[in-house]
C-alpha atoms as a PDB file:
ATOM      1  CA  MET A   1     -58.733   2.871 -32.648  1.00  0.00           C
ATOM      2  CA  ASP A   2     -56.686   6.031 -32.900  1.00  0.00           C
ATOM      3  CA  PRO A   3     -53.439   5.287 -34.610  1.00  0.00           C
ATOM      4  CA  ARG A   4     -51.377   8.090 -33.094  1.00  0.00           C
ATOM      5  CA  ILE A   5     -48.624   7.247 -30.554  1.00  0.00           C
ATOM      6  CA  LEU A   6     -49.143   9.188 -27.514  1.00  0.00           C
ATOM      7  CA  THR A   7     -46.643  10.057 -24.568  1.00  0.00           C
ATOM      8  CA  ALA A   8     -48.929   8.955 -21.661  1.00  0.00           C
ATOM      9  CA  ALA A   9     -51.049   5.763 -21.279  1.00  0.00           C
ATOM     10  CA  VAL A  10     -52.920   3.823 -18.742  1.00  0.00           C
ATOM     11  CA  GLY A  11     -51.970   0.008 -18.925  1.00  0.00           C
ATOM     12  CA  SER A  12     -49.213  -2.537 -18.260  1.00  0.00           C
ATOM     13  CA  ASN A  13     -45.599  -2.620 -19.107  1.00  0.00           C
ATOM     14  CA  ALA A  14     -46.554  -5.281 -21.972  1.00  0.00           C
ATOM     15  CA  GLU A  15     -48.912  -2.830 -23.496  1.00  0.00           C
ATOM     16  CA  LEU A  16     -46.477  -0.066 -23.415  1.00  0.00           C
ATOM     17  CA  LEU A  17     -43.623  -2.221 -24.813  1.00  0.00           C
ATOM     18  CA  GLU A  18     -45.834  -3.302 -27.770  1.00  0.00           C
ATOM     19  CA  THR A  19     -46.443   0.476 -28.684  1.00  0.00           C
ATOM     20  CA  VAL A  20     -42.821   1.526 -28.265  1.00  0.00           C
ATOM     21  CA  SER A  21     -41.295  -1.712 -29.874  1.00  0.00           C
ATOM     22  CA  GLY A  22     -43.563  -1.032 -33.158  1.00  0.00           C
ATOM     23  CA  PHE A  23     -42.287   2.460 -33.105  1.00  0.00           C
ATOM     24  CA  TYR A  24     -38.647   2.187 -32.293  1.00  0.00           C
ATOM     25  CA  ILE A  25     -37.410  -1.298 -33.205  1.00  0.00           C
ATOM     26  CA  GLU A  26     -37.061  -2.217 -36.885  1.00  0.00           C
ATOM     27  CA  ALA A  27     -37.502  -5.826 -38.156  1.00  0.00           C
ATOM     28  CA  GLY A  28     -34.150  -7.666 -38.215  1.00  0.00           C
ATOM     29  CA  SER A  29     -32.627  -5.628 -35.277  1.00  0.00           C
ATOM     30  CA  ILE A  30     -30.522  -7.217 -32.703  1.00  0.00           C
ATOM     31  CA  VAL A  31     -32.461  -6.579 -29.575  1.00  0.00           C
ATOM     32  CA  ALA A  32     -30.974  -7.392 -26.165  1.00  0.00           C
ATOM     33  CA  ASP A  33     -33.134  -7.277 -23.020  1.00  0.00           C
ATOM     34  CA  VAL A  34     -30.428  -7.147 -20.282  1.00  0.00           C
ATOM     35  CA  THR A  35     -32.825  -7.188 -17.257  1.00  0.00           C
ATOM     36  CA  PHE A  36     -35.404  -9.705 -18.766  1.00  0.00           C
ATOM     37  CA  GLY A  37     -36.700 -11.424 -15.646  1.00  0.00           C
ATOM     38  CA  LYS A  38     -39.682 -13.425 -16.147  1.00  0.00           C
ATOM     39  CA  GLY A  39     -40.172 -11.634 -19.519  1.00  0.00           C
ATOM     40  CA  VAL A  40     -43.388 -10.130 -18.805  1.00  0.00           C
ATOM     41  CA  PHE A  41     -42.522  -6.981 -20.825  1.00  0.00           C
ATOM     42  CA  TRP A  42     -42.824  -8.930 -23.984  1.00  0.00           C
ATOM     43  CA  ASN A  43     -46.010 -10.750 -23.339  1.00  0.00           C
ATOM     44  CA  ASN A  44     -47.796  -8.803 -26.332  1.00  0.00           C
ATOM     45  CA  VAL A  45     -44.706  -8.786 -28.604  1.00  0.00           C
ATOM     46  CA  ASP A  46     -43.654 -11.107 -31.183  1.00  0.00           C
ATOM     47  CA  THR A  47     -39.908 -11.174 -30.694  1.00  0.00           C
ATOM     48  CA  SER A  48     -39.281 -13.630 -33.509  1.00  0.00           C
ATOM     49  CA  ARG A  49     -38.962 -10.671 -35.930  1.00  0.00           C
ATOM     50  CA  TRP A  50     -35.560  -9.759 -34.344  1.00  0.00           C
ATOM     51  CA  ASP A  51     -32.420 -11.427 -33.128  1.00  0.00           C
ATOM     52  CA  PHE A  52     -33.837 -11.376 -29.477  1.00  0.00           C
ATOM     53  CA  ARG A  53     -31.264 -11.768 -26.686  1.00  0.00           C
ATOM     54  CA  PRO A  54     -32.826 -11.871 -23.280  1.00  0.00           C
ATOM     55  CA  THR A  55     -30.560 -12.055 -20.232  1.00  0.00           C
ATOM     56  CA  ASP A  56     -30.625 -10.940 -16.727  1.00  0.00           C
ATOM     57  CA  ILE A  57     -28.417 -11.191 -13.430  1.00  0.00           C
ATOM     58  CA  ASN A  58     -30.173 -14.475 -12.631  1.00  0.00           C
ATOM     59  CA  THR A  59     -28.899 -16.108 -15.854  1.00  0.00           C
ATOM     60  CA  GLY A  60     -25.334 -14.942 -14.876  1.00  0.00           C
ATOM     61  CA  VAL A  61     -25.378 -11.891 -17.091  1.00  0.00           C
ATOM     62  CA  ASP A  62     -24.879  -8.371 -15.223  1.00  0.00           C
ATOM     63  CA  CYS A  63     -26.136  -5.420 -16.951  1.00  0.00           C
ATOM     64  CA  ARG A  64     -22.933  -3.567 -16.134  1.00  0.00           C
ATOM     65  CA  SER A  65     -20.823  -6.250 -17.712  1.00  0.00           C
ATOM     66  CA  LEU A  66     -22.351  -7.530 -20.908  1.00  0.00           C
ATOM     67  CA  PRO A  67     -20.994 -10.445 -23.003  1.00  0.00           C
ATOM     68  CA  TYR A  68     -21.475  -8.430 -26.278  1.00  0.00           C
ATOM     69  CA  LYS A  69     -18.673  -6.770 -28.579  1.00  0.00           C
ATOM     70  CA  ASP A  70     -18.378  -3.123 -28.944  1.00  0.00           C
ATOM     71  CA  GLU A  71     -21.225  -1.748 -31.069  1.00  0.00           C
ATOM     72  CA  GLU A  72     -22.922  -5.124 -31.745  1.00  0.00           C
ATOM     73  CA  ILE A  73     -26.542  -4.268 -30.501  1.00  0.00           C
ATOM     74  CA  ASP A  74     -29.201  -2.308 -32.300  1.00  0.00           C
ATOM     75  CA  VAL A  75     -31.682  -1.897 -29.293  1.00  0.00           C
ATOM     76  CA  LEU A  76     -30.996  -2.432 -25.646  1.00  0.00           C
ATOM     77  CA  VAL A  77     -33.991  -2.603 -23.084  1.00  0.00           C
ATOM     78  CA  PHE A  78     -32.992  -1.823 -19.547  1.00  0.00           C
ATOM     79  CA  ASP A  79     -35.365  -2.055 -16.654  1.00  0.00           C
ATOM     80  CA  PRO A  80     -33.257  -2.741 -13.384  1.00  0.00           C
ATOM     81  CA  PRO A  81     -34.811  -2.515  -9.885  1.00  0.00           C
ATOM     82  CA  TYR A  82     -35.705   1.070  -9.661  1.00  0.00           C
ATOM     83  CA  MET A  83     -36.777   1.220  -5.951  1.00  0.00           C
ATOM     84  CA  HIS A  84     -34.390   0.837  -2.968  1.00  0.00           C
ATOM     85  CA  GLY A  85     -34.780  -0.814   0.277  1.00  0.00           C
ATOM     86  CA  GLY A  86     -35.824  -4.324   1.354  1.00  0.00           C
ATOM     87  CA  LYS A  87     -39.503  -3.471   1.696  1.00  0.00           C
ATOM     88  CA  THR A  88     -39.759  -2.412  -1.935  1.00  0.00           C
ATOM     89  CA  ILE A  89     -37.730  -4.841  -3.886  1.00  0.00           C
ATOM     90  CA  LYS A  90     -36.839  -8.474  -2.918  1.00  0.00           C
ATOM     91  CA  ALA A  91     -33.716  -8.852  -0.737  1.00  0.00           C
ATOM     92  CA  SER A  92     -32.394 -11.466  -3.495  1.00  0.00           C
ATOM     93  CA  ILE A  93     -32.450  -8.771  -6.054  1.00  0.00           C
ATOM     94  CA  ASN A  94     -30.543  -6.370  -3.815  1.00  0.00           C
ATOM     95  CA  GLN A  95     -28.033  -8.928  -2.998  1.00  0.00           C
ATOM     96  CA  CYS A  96     -27.610 -10.061  -6.751  1.00  0.00           C
ATOM     97  CA  TYR A  97     -26.786  -6.452  -7.578  1.00  0.00           C
ATOM     98  CA  HIS A  98     -24.614  -5.940  -4.593  1.00  0.00           C
ATOM     99  CA  ASN A  99     -27.134  -3.162  -3.354  1.00  0.00           C
ATOM    100  CA  GLN A 100     -27.113  -4.400   0.389  1.00  0.00           C
ATOM    101  CA  ASN A 101     -27.282  -0.625   1.588  1.00  0.00           C
ATOM    102  CA  GLY A 102     -30.493  -0.037  -0.426  1.00  0.00           C
ATOM    103  CA  SER A 103     -30.136   3.520  -0.847  1.00  0.00           C
ATOM    104  CA  HIS A 104     -31.457   5.613  -3.917  1.00  0.00           C
ATOM    105  CA  ALA A 105     -27.777   6.638  -4.673  1.00  0.00           C
ATOM    106  CA  SER A 106     -27.001   2.840  -4.979  1.00  0.00           C
ATOM    107  CA  ILE A 107     -30.060   2.432  -7.541  1.00  0.00           C
ATOM    108  CA  ILE A 108     -28.816   5.430  -9.607  1.00  0.00           C
ATOM    109  CA  ARG A 109     -24.973   3.880  -9.605  1.00  0.00           C
ATOM    110  CA  LEU A 110     -26.873   0.737 -11.037  1.00  0.00           C
ATOM    111  CA  TYR A 111     -28.378   2.627 -13.655  1.00  0.00           C
ATOM    112  CA  LEU A 112     -25.102   4.485 -14.490  1.00  0.00           C
ATOM    113  CA  GLY A 113     -23.173   1.302 -14.679  1.00  0.00           C
ATOM    114  CA  GLY A 114     -25.821  -0.320 -16.979  1.00  0.00           C
ATOM    115  CA  LEU A 115     -26.047   2.807 -19.259  1.00  0.00           C
ATOM    116  CA  LEU A 116     -22.260   3.036 -19.674  1.00  0.00           C
ATOM    117  CA  GLU A 117     -22.290  -0.568 -20.754  1.00  0.00           C
ATOM    118  CA  ALA A 118     -25.250   0.155 -22.965  1.00  0.00           C
ATOM    119  CA  TRP A 119     -23.254   2.923 -24.713  1.00  0.00           C
ATOM    120  CA  ARG A 120     -20.319   0.382 -25.329  1.00  0.00           C
ATOM    121  CA  VAL A 121     -22.499  -2.406 -26.956  1.00  0.00           C
ATOM    122  CA  LEU A 122     -24.825  -0.139 -28.892  1.00  0.00           C
ATOM    123  CA  LYS A 123     -24.200   0.607 -32.435  1.00  0.00           C
ATOM    124  CA  ARG A 124     -23.967   4.144 -33.552  1.00  0.00           C
ATOM    125  CA  GLY A 125     -27.698   5.265 -33.785  1.00  0.00           C
ATOM    126  CA  GLY A 126     -28.688   2.476 -31.490  1.00  0.00           C
ATOM    127  CA  ILE A 127     -31.642   2.856 -29.349  1.00  0.00           C
ATOM    128  CA  VAL A 128     -31.784   2.220 -25.437  1.00  0.00           C
ATOM    129  CA  LEU A 129     -35.075   1.948 -23.802  1.00  0.00           C
ATOM    130  CA  VAL A 130     -34.836   2.599 -20.047  1.00  0.00           C
ATOM    131  CA  LYS A 131     -37.668   2.011 -17.510  1.00  0.00           C
ATOM    132  CA  THR A 132     -37.568   4.018 -14.079  1.00  0.00           C
ATOM    133  CA  GLN A 133     -39.911   5.390 -11.606  1.00  0.00           C
ATOM    134  CA  ASP A 134     -39.271   8.157  -9.178  1.00  0.00           C
ATOM    135  CA  GLU A 135     -39.424   7.343  -5.358  1.00  0.00           C
ATOM    136  CA  ILE A 136     -39.293   8.896  -2.039  1.00  0.00           C
ATOM    137  CA  GLU A 137     -36.311   8.364   0.177  1.00  0.00           C
ATOM    138  CA  SER A 138     -36.438   9.246   4.033  1.00  0.00           C
ATOM    139  CA  GLY A 139     -39.363  11.760   3.254  1.00  0.00           C
ATOM    140  CA  LYS A 140     -37.415  13.204   0.258  1.00  0.00           C
ATOM    141  CA  GLN A 141     -38.696  13.177  -3.192  1.00  0.00           C
ATOM    142  CA  ARG A 142     -35.973  11.450  -5.521  1.00  0.00           C
ATOM    143  CA  TRP A 143     -36.815  12.318  -9.289  1.00  0.00           C
ATOM    144  CA  SER A 144     -35.133   9.363 -10.777  1.00  0.00           C
ATOM    145  CA  HIS A 145     -36.336  10.089 -14.324  1.00  0.00           C
ATOM    146  CA  VAL A 146     -34.481  13.296 -14.335  1.00  0.00           C
ATOM    147  CA  GLU A 147     -31.324  11.910 -12.941  1.00  0.00           C
ATOM    148  CA  ILE A 148     -31.333   9.078 -15.473  1.00  0.00           C
ATOM    149  CA  LEU A 149     -32.335  11.434 -18.314  1.00  0.00           C
ATOM    150  CA  GLN A 150     -29.271  13.813 -17.368  1.00  0.00           C
ATOM    151  CA  SER A 151     -27.049  10.629 -17.119  1.00  0.00           C
ATOM    152  CA  LEU A 152     -28.185   9.582 -20.533  1.00  0.00           C
ATOM    153  CA  GLU A 153     -27.176  13.188 -21.967  1.00  0.00           C
ATOM    154  CA  LEU A 154     -23.804  13.127 -19.953  1.00  0.00           C
ATOM    155  CA  ILE A 155     -22.899   9.695 -21.382  1.00  0.00           C
ATOM    156  CA  GLY A 156     -23.674  10.959 -24.822  1.00  0.00           C
ATOM    157  CA  PHE A 157     -27.196   9.559 -25.632  1.00  0.00           C
ATOM    158  CA  LYS A 158     -29.690  11.849 -27.253  1.00  0.00           C
ATOM    159  CA  VAL A 159     -32.918  11.543 -25.366  1.00  0.00           C
ATOM    160  CA  VAL A 160     -35.502  11.464 -28.029  1.00  0.00           C
ATOM    161  CA  ASP A 161     -38.636  10.340 -26.461  1.00  0.00           C
ATOM    162  CA  LEU A 162     -40.307   9.898 -22.850  1.00  0.00           C
ATOM    163  CA  PHE A 163     -43.408   7.685 -22.303  1.00  0.00           C
ATOM    164  CA  VAL A 164     -45.260   7.910 -19.092  1.00  0.00           C
ATOM    165  CA  LEU A 165     -47.347   4.652 -17.924  1.00  0.00           C
ATOM    166  CA  VAL A 166     -50.009   5.128 -15.401  1.00  0.00           C
ATOM    167  CA  GLN A 167     -50.837   2.121 -13.428  1.00  0.00           C
ATOM    168  CA  HIS A 168     -54.474   0.599 -13.508  1.00  0.00           C
ATOM    169  CA  GLY A 169     -54.987   0.162  -9.716  1.00  0.00           C
ATOM    170  CA  GLN A 170     -54.046   2.033  -6.751  1.00  0.00           C
ATOM    171  CA  PRO A 171     -50.306   2.205  -5.647  1.00  0.00           C
ATOM    172  CA  THR A 172     -49.281   0.508  -2.532  1.00  0.00           C
ATOM    173  CA  MET A 173     -48.966   2.289   0.683  1.00  0.00           C
ATOM    174  CA  ARG A 174     -46.117   1.220   3.132  1.00  0.00           C
ATOM    175  CA  GLU A 175     -47.464   3.436   5.806  1.00  0.00           C
ATOM    176  CA  ALA A 176     -50.885   4.405   6.909  1.00  0.00           C
ATOM    177  CA  TYR A 177     -50.270   8.029   6.659  1.00  0.00           C
ATOM    178  CA  GLN A 178     -49.463   9.997   3.615  1.00  0.00           C
ATOM    179  CA  LYS A 179     -47.219  13.053   3.086  1.00  0.00           C
ATOM    180  CA  THR A 180     -46.845  13.498  -0.424  1.00  0.00           C
ATOM    181  CA  ALA A 181     -48.698  12.193  -3.474  1.00  0.00           C
ATOM    182  CA  ARG A 182     -48.377   8.374  -4.151  1.00  0.00           C
ATOM    183  CA  LYS A 183     -46.402   7.397  -7.477  1.00  0.00           C
ATOM    184  CA  ASN A 184     -48.802   5.618  -9.573  1.00  0.00           C
ATOM    185  CA  HIS A 185     -46.822   6.042 -12.928  1.00  0.00           C
ATOM    186  CA  SER A 186     -43.520   5.207 -14.332  1.00  0.00           C
ATOM    187  CA  TYR A 187     -41.307   6.281 -17.197  1.00  0.00           C
ATOM    188  CA  LEU A 188     -39.762   4.749 -20.440  1.00  0.00           C
ATOM    189  CA  LEU A 189     -36.988   6.889 -21.523  1.00  0.00           C
ATOM    190  CA  VAL A 190     -35.732   6.478 -25.228  1.00  0.00           C
ATOM    191  CA  GLY A 191     -32.321   7.441 -25.954  1.00  0.00           C
ATOM    192  CA  ARG A 192     -30.271   7.085 -29.263  1.00  0.00           C
ATOM    193  CA  LYS A 193     -26.612   6.613 -29.428  1.00  0.00           C
ATOM    194  CA  THR A 194     -24.989   9.719 -31.169  1.00  0.00           C
ATOM    195  CA  SER A 195     -22.022   9.242 -33.245  1.00  0.00           C
END
């Protein structure tokens, strides 16, 4: 097996996180996954080597208001719902995050709130791992990864890496017609909190 870490791969989120965690998370780190969900990201990773803190909105912890002290966390993993609309993400998730209007702008606001909170709780030099995917809204391309990358930099993070994950199968089609290329990849952005 080739030991080099590549920016793009075909696989699952669990496979990607296995690679990225081995590269960016040191043993003994305090790691907070603030959008843990069912934990499928971590299926291939032994989290016992860290002080691992999994939370999400369904356990009563909103990623925009975390129960951690300022500069307490070494690594923060952030994978909020990145697609808008009731057809794309469950209505219950929209409701939990108060995203009833289901717009692209509301998704970006969710990211901004979570990233500002990440800045607060991360130690200097801390890492934020941000999962996202571009989308189409009302027939227009929405380059979420660019908006989030720019937001990271505005907040004060230095974007140090970007991974592209290509899905194994075919992307789902909501309509029978196609006007643009279907999105069959997502991104994992790596930001470092600067001093």
